[in-house]
Amino acid sequence: MGAESEGELAHRGGEAVAERLGIAPVTFPSHHGGFLPPEYGMAGDPEAFAEALRDAL
């Protein structure tokens, strides 16, 4: 889930899946495309996203 996507459909869906699995949801930096660099039009924070992903895995 993206920190900037709170309240949006993708964020709520992630929370619901985590709840059904009985685990805590992981919030990633930026929005639901937080892994994207600026040249793709929806700039995220790829470095922080990668760090959060490493921690989650």
PDB file of N, CA and C in Angstrom:
ATOM      1  N   MET A   1       0.837  -1.163   0.000  1.00  0.00           N
ATOM      2  CA  MET A   1       0.000   0.000   0.000  1.00  0.00           C
ATOM      3  C   MET A   1       0.885   1.229   0.000  1.00  0.00           C
ATOM      4  N   GLY A   2       0.486   2.235  -0.726  1.00  0.00           N
ATOM      5  CA  GLY A   2       1.238   3.478  -0.764  1.00  0.00           C
ATOM      6  C   GLY A   2       0.771   4.460   0.297  1.00  0.00           C
ATOM      7  N   ALA A   3       1.718   5.111   0.926  1.00  0.00           N
ATOM      8  CA  ALA A   3       1.393   6.075   1.983  1.00  0.00           C
ATOM      9  C   ALA A   3       0.517   7.211   1.460  1.00  0.00           C
ATOM     10  N   GLU A   4       0.735   7.619   0.204  1.00  0.00           N
ATOM     11  CA  GLU A   4      -0.042   8.720  -0.372  1.00  0.00           C
ATOM     12  C   GLU A   4      -1.384   8.259  -0.925  1.00  0.00           C
ATOM     13  N   SER A   5      -1.624   6.965  -0.930  1.00  0.00           N
ATOM     14  CA  SER A   5      -2.872   6.418  -1.483  1.00  0.00           C
ATOM     15  C   SER A   5      -3.895   6.095  -0.408  1.00  0.00           C
ATOM     16  N   GLU A   6      -3.655   6.512   0.817  1.00  0.00           N
ATOM     17  CA  GLU A   6      -4.564   6.192   1.912  1.00  0.00           C
ATOM     18  C   GLU A   6      -5.989   6.632   1.571  1.00  0.00           C
ATOM     19  N   GLY A   7      -6.921   5.723   1.772  1.00  0.00           N
ATOM     20  CA  GLY A   7      -8.320   5.996   1.497  1.00  0.00           C
ATOM     21  C   GLY A   7      -8.744   5.642   0.084  1.00  0.00           C
ATOM     22  N   GLU A   8      -7.803   5.451  -0.811  1.00  0.00           N
ATOM     23  CA  GLU A   8      -8.134   5.088  -2.194  1.00  0.00           C
ATOM     24  C   GLU A   8      -8.390   3.585  -2.302  1.00  0.00           C
ATOM     25  N   LEU A   9      -8.984   3.185  -3.408  1.00  0.00           N
ATOM     26  CA  LEU A   9      -9.387   1.799  -3.605  1.00  0.00           C
ATOM     27  C   LEU A   9      -8.222   0.823  -3.447  1.00  0.00           C
ATOM     28  N   ALA A  10      -7.084   1.091  -4.076  1.00  0.00           N
ATOM     29  CA  ALA A  10      -5.949   0.166  -3.996  1.00  0.00           C
ATOM     30  C   ALA A  10      -5.468   0.016  -2.549  1.00  0.00           C
ATOM     31  N   HIS A  11      -5.444   1.097  -1.817  1.00  0.00           N
ATOM     32  CA  HIS A  11      -4.998   1.080  -0.419  1.00  0.00           C
ATOM     33  C   HIS A  11      -5.975   0.286   0.444  1.00  0.00           C
ATOM     34  N   ARG A  12      -7.248   0.549   0.269  1.00  0.00           N
ATOM     35  CA  ARG A  12      -8.263  -0.168   1.044  1.00  0.00           C
ATOM     36  C   ARG A  12      -8.258  -1.661   0.720  1.00  0.00           C
ATOM     37  N   GLY A  13      -8.017  -1.984  -0.551  1.00  0.00           N
ATOM     38  CA  GLY A  13      -7.932  -3.390  -0.951  1.00  0.00           C
ATOM     39  C   GLY A  13      -6.762  -4.094  -0.290  1.00  0.00           C
ATOM     40  N   GLY A  14      -5.620  -3.414  -0.209  1.00  0.00           N
ATOM     41  CA  GLY A  14      -4.457  -3.987   0.462  1.00  0.00           C
ATOM     42  C   GLY A  14      -4.714  -4.234   1.932  1.00  0.00           C
ATOM     43  N   GLU A  15      -5.392  -3.296   2.565  1.00  0.00           N
ATOM     44  CA  GLU A  15      -5.744  -3.466   3.984  1.00  0.00           C
ATOM     45  C   GLU A  15      -6.681  -4.662   4.173  1.00  0.00           C
ATOM     46  N   ALA A  16      -7.642  -4.804   3.270  1.00  0.00           N
ATOM     47  CA  ALA A  16      -8.601  -5.907   3.377  1.00  0.00           C
ATOM     48  C   ALA A  16      -7.920  -7.254   3.183  1.00  0.00           C
ATOM     49  N   VAL A  17      -7.010  -7.343   2.241  1.00  0.00           N
ATOM     50  CA  VAL A  17      -6.279  -8.600   2.009  1.00  0.00           C
ATOM     51  C   VAL A  17      -5.438  -8.954   3.233  1.00  0.00           C
ATOM     52  N   ALA A  18      -4.720  -7.976   3.763  1.00  0.00           N
ATOM     53  CA  ALA A  18      -3.897  -8.223   4.955  1.00  0.00           C
ATOM     54  C   ALA A  18      -4.765  -8.701   6.120  1.00  0.00           C
ATOM     55  N   GLU A  19      -5.921  -8.073   6.290  1.00  0.00           N
ATOM     56  CA  GLU A  19      -6.826  -8.467   7.377  1.00  0.00           C
ATOM     57  C   GLU A  19      -7.282  -9.911   7.204  1.00  0.00           C
ATOM     58  N   ARG A  20      -7.651 -10.271   5.978  1.00  0.00           N
ATOM     59  CA  ARG A  20      -8.105 -11.646   5.717  1.00  0.00           C
ATOM     60  C   ARG A  20      -7.000 -12.665   5.943  1.00  0.00           C
ATOM     61  N   LEU A  21      -5.757 -12.259   5.674  1.00  0.00           N
ATOM     62  CA  LEU A  21      -4.618 -13.157   5.870  1.00  0.00           C
ATOM     63  C   LEU A  21      -4.153 -13.175   7.324  1.00  0.00           C
ATOM     64  N   GLY A  22      -4.673 -12.259   8.120  1.00  0.00           N
ATOM     65  CA  GLY A  22      -4.296 -12.186   9.518  1.00  0.00           C
ATOM     66  C   GLY A  22      -2.904 -11.616   9.742  1.00  0.00           C
ATOM     67  N   ILE A  23      -2.489 -10.735   8.836  1.00  0.00           N
ATOM     68  CA  ILE A  23      -1.169 -10.111   8.955  1.00  0.00           C
ATOM     69  C   ILE A  23      -1.323  -8.591   8.946  1.00  0.00           C
ATOM     70  N   ALA A  24      -0.282  -7.920   9.375  1.00  0.00           N
ATOM     71  CA  ALA A  24      -0.300  -6.453   9.353  1.00  0.00           C
ATOM     72  C   ALA A  24       0.018  -5.969   7.947  1.00  0.00           C
ATOM     73  N   PRO A  25      -0.695  -4.966   7.457  1.00  0.00           N
ATOM     74  CA  PRO A  25      -0.372  -4.428   6.135  1.00  0.00           C
ATOM     75  C   PRO A  25       0.963  -3.682   6.181  1.00  0.00           C
ATOM     76  N   VAL A  26       1.649  -3.674   5.049  1.00  0.00           N
ATOM     77  CA  VAL A  26       2.911  -2.948   4.920  1.00  0.00           C
ATOM     78  C   VAL A  26       2.642  -1.713   4.073  1.00  0.00           C
ATOM     79  N   THR A  27       2.985  -0.552   4.588  1.00  0.00           N
ATOM     80  CA  THR A  27       2.805   0.687   3.847  1.00  0.00           C
ATOM     81  C   THR A  27       4.139   1.088   3.221  1.00  0.00           C
ATOM     82  N   PHE A  28       4.108   1.296   1.929  1.00  0.00           N
ATOM     83  CA  PHE A  28       5.293   1.690   1.189  1.00  0.00           C
ATOM     84  C   PHE A  28       5.288   3.196   0.969  1.00  0.00           C
ATOM     85  N   PRO A  29       6.465   3.798   0.805  1.00  0.00           N
ATOM     86  CA  PRO A  29       6.545   5.235   0.570  1.00  0.00           C
ATOM     87  C   PRO A  29       5.863   5.616  -0.753  1.00  0.00           C
ATOM     88  N   SER A  30       5.357   6.793  -0.825  1.00  0.00           N
ATOM     89  CA  SER A  30       4.786   7.373  -2.024  1.00  0.00           C
ATOM     90  C   SER A  30       3.388   6.829  -2.286  1.00  0.00           C
ATOM     91  N   HIS A  31       3.032   6.639  -3.540  1.00  0.00           N
ATOM     92  CA  HIS A  31       1.695   6.198  -3.939  1.00  0.00           C
ATOM     93  C   HIS A  31       1.760   4.760  -4.447  1.00  0.00           C
ATOM     94  N   HIS A  32       0.688   4.279  -5.092  1.00  0.00           N
ATOM     95  CA  HIS A  32       0.677   2.883  -5.526  1.00  0.00           C
ATOM     96  C   HIS A  32       1.662   2.602  -6.661  1.00  0.00           C
ATOM     97  N   GLY A  33       2.246   3.625  -7.248  1.00  0.00           N
ATOM     98  CA  GLY A  33       3.323   3.465  -8.229  1.00  0.00           C
ATOM     99  C   GLY A  33       4.621   4.017  -7.679  1.00  0.00           C
ATOM    100  N   GLY A  34       4.832   3.888  -6.391  1.00  0.00           N
ATOM    101  CA  GLY A  34       5.976   4.478  -5.719  1.00  0.00           C
ATOM    102  C   GLY A  34       7.322   3.995  -6.197  1.00  0.00           C
ATOM    103  N   PHE A  35       7.344   2.905  -6.944  1.00  0.00           N
ATOM    104  CA  PHE A  35       8.591   2.362  -7.468  1.00  0.00           C
ATOM    105  C   PHE A  35       9.005   3.021  -8.776  1.00  0.00           C
ATOM    106  N   LEU A  36       8.147   3.877  -9.337  1.00  0.00           N
ATOM    107  CA  LEU A  36       8.419   4.484 -10.642  1.00  0.00           C
ATOM    108  C   LEU A  36       9.312   5.727 -10.554  1.00  0.00           C
ATOM    109  N   PRO A  37      10.308   5.805 -11.440  1.00  0.00           N
ATOM    110  CA  PRO A  37      11.102   7.035 -11.518  1.00  0.00           C
ATOM    111  C   PRO A  37      10.317   8.107 -12.278  1.00  0.00           C
ATOM    112  N   PRO A  38      10.759   9.363 -12.232  1.00  0.00           N
ATOM    113  CA  PRO A  38       9.989  10.468 -12.825  1.00  0.00           C
ATOM    114  C   PRO A  38       9.742  10.358 -14.327  1.00  0.00           C
ATOM    115  N   GLU A  39      10.603   9.683 -15.068  1.00  0.00           N
ATOM    116  CA  GLU A  39      10.421   9.632 -16.527  1.00  0.00           C
ATOM    117  C   GLU A  39       9.183   8.862 -16.963  1.00  0.00           C
ATOM    118  N   TYR A  40       8.494   8.205 -16.044  1.00  0.00           N
ATOM    119  CA  TYR A  40       7.281   7.474 -16.394  1.00  0.00           C
ATOM    120  C   TYR A  40       6.011   8.256 -16.088  1.00  0.00           C
ATOM    121  N   GLY A  41       6.150   9.520 -15.705  1.00  0.00           N
ATOM    122  CA  GLY A  41       5.009  10.402 -15.546  1.00  0.00           C
ATOM    123  C   GLY A  41       4.345  10.389 -14.184  1.00  0.00           C
ATOM    124  N   MET A  42       4.592   9.398 -13.388  1.00  0.00           N
ATOM    125  CA  MET A  42       3.988   9.319 -12.062  1.00  0.00           C
ATOM    126  C   MET A  42       5.113   9.060 -11.071  1.00  0.00           C
ATOM    127  N   ALA A  43       5.907  10.081 -10.849  1.00  0.00           N
ATOM    128  CA  ALA A  43       7.131   9.924 -10.060  1.00  0.00           C
ATOM    129  C   ALA A  43       6.835   9.447  -8.653  1.00  0.00           C
ATOM    130  N   GLY A  44       7.548   8.420  -8.271  1.00  0.00           N
ATOM    131  CA  GLY A  44       7.459   7.895  -6.918  1.00  0.00           C
ATOM    132  C   GLY A  44       8.764   8.147  -6.193  1.00  0.00           C
ATOM    133  N   ASP A  45       9.144   7.217  -5.367  1.00  0.00           N
ATOM    134  CA  ASP A  45      10.390   7.290  -4.609  1.00  0.00           C
ATOM    135  C   ASP A  45      11.021   5.903  -4.671  1.00  0.00           C
ATOM    136  N   PRO A  46      11.633   5.556  -5.830  1.00  0.00           N
ATOM    137  CA  PRO A  46      12.129   4.197  -6.034  1.00  0.00           C
ATOM    138  C   PRO A  46      13.110   3.707  -4.972  1.00  0.00           C
ATOM    139  N   GLU A  47      13.992   4.583  -4.498  1.00  0.00           N
ATOM    140  CA  GLU A  47      14.983   4.155  -3.507  1.00  0.00           C
ATOM    141  C   GLU A  47      14.311   3.781  -2.180  1.00  0.00           C
ATOM    142  N   ALA A  48      13.418   4.635  -1.714  1.00  0.00           N
ATOM    143  CA  ALA A  48      12.717   4.350  -0.461  1.00  0.00           C
ATOM    144  C   ALA A  48      11.797   3.141  -0.626  1.00  0.00           C
ATOM    145  N   PHE A  49      11.195   2.994  -1.816  1.00  0.00           N
ATOM    146  CA  PHE A  49      10.337   1.847  -2.085  1.00  0.00           C
ATOM    147  C   PHE A  49      11.152   0.559  -2.002  1.00  0.00           C
ATOM    148  N   ALA A  50      12.338   0.560  -2.619  1.00  0.00           N
ATOM    149  CA  ALA A  50      13.207  -0.623  -2.598  1.00  0.00           C
ATOM    150  C   ALA A  50      13.615  -0.977  -1.176  1.00  0.00           C
ATOM    151  N   GLU A  51      13.922   0.021  -0.372  1.00  0.00           N
ATOM    152  CA  GLU A  51      14.302  -0.232   1.024  1.00  0.00           C
ATOM    153  C   GLU A  51      13.142  -0.844   1.797  1.00  0.00           C
ATOM    154  N   ALA A  52      11.939  -0.313   1.613  1.00  0.00           N
ATOM    155  CA  ALA A  52      10.752  -0.860   2.294  1.00  0.00           C
ATOM    156  C   ALA A  52      10.467  -2.277   1.821  1.00  0.00           C
ATOM    157  N   LEU A  53      10.666  -2.539   0.534  1.00  0.00           N
ATOM    158  CA  LEU A  53      10.443  -3.872  -0.001  1.00  0.00           C
ATOM    159  C   LEU A  53      11.430  -4.873   0.580  1.00  0.00           C
ATOM    160  N   ARG A  54      12.706  -4.477   0.670  1.00  0.00           N
ATOM    161  CA  ARG A  54      13.706  -5.355   1.289  1.00  0.00           C
ATOM    162  C   ARG A  54      13.323  -5.673   2.731  1.00  0.00           C
ATOM    163  N   ASP A  55      12.873  -4.655   3.469  1.00  0.00           N
ATOM    164  CA  ASP A  55      12.470  -4.867   4.854  1.00  0.00           C
ATOM    165  C   ASP A  55      11.261  -5.821   4.947  1.00  0.00           C
ATOM    166  N   ALA A  56      10.319  -5.667   4.019  1.00  0.00           N
ATOM    167  CA  ALA A  56       9.110  -6.488   4.048  1.00  0.00           C
ATOM    168  C   ALA A  56       9.398  -7.944   3.694  1.00  0.00           C
ATOM    169  N   LEU A  57      10.373  -8.134   2.827  1.00  0.00           N
ATOM    170  CA  LEU A  57      10.694  -9.506   2.416  1.00  0.00           C
ATOM    171  C   LEU A  57      11.617 -10.165   3.399  1.00  0.00           C
TER     172      LEU A  57
END
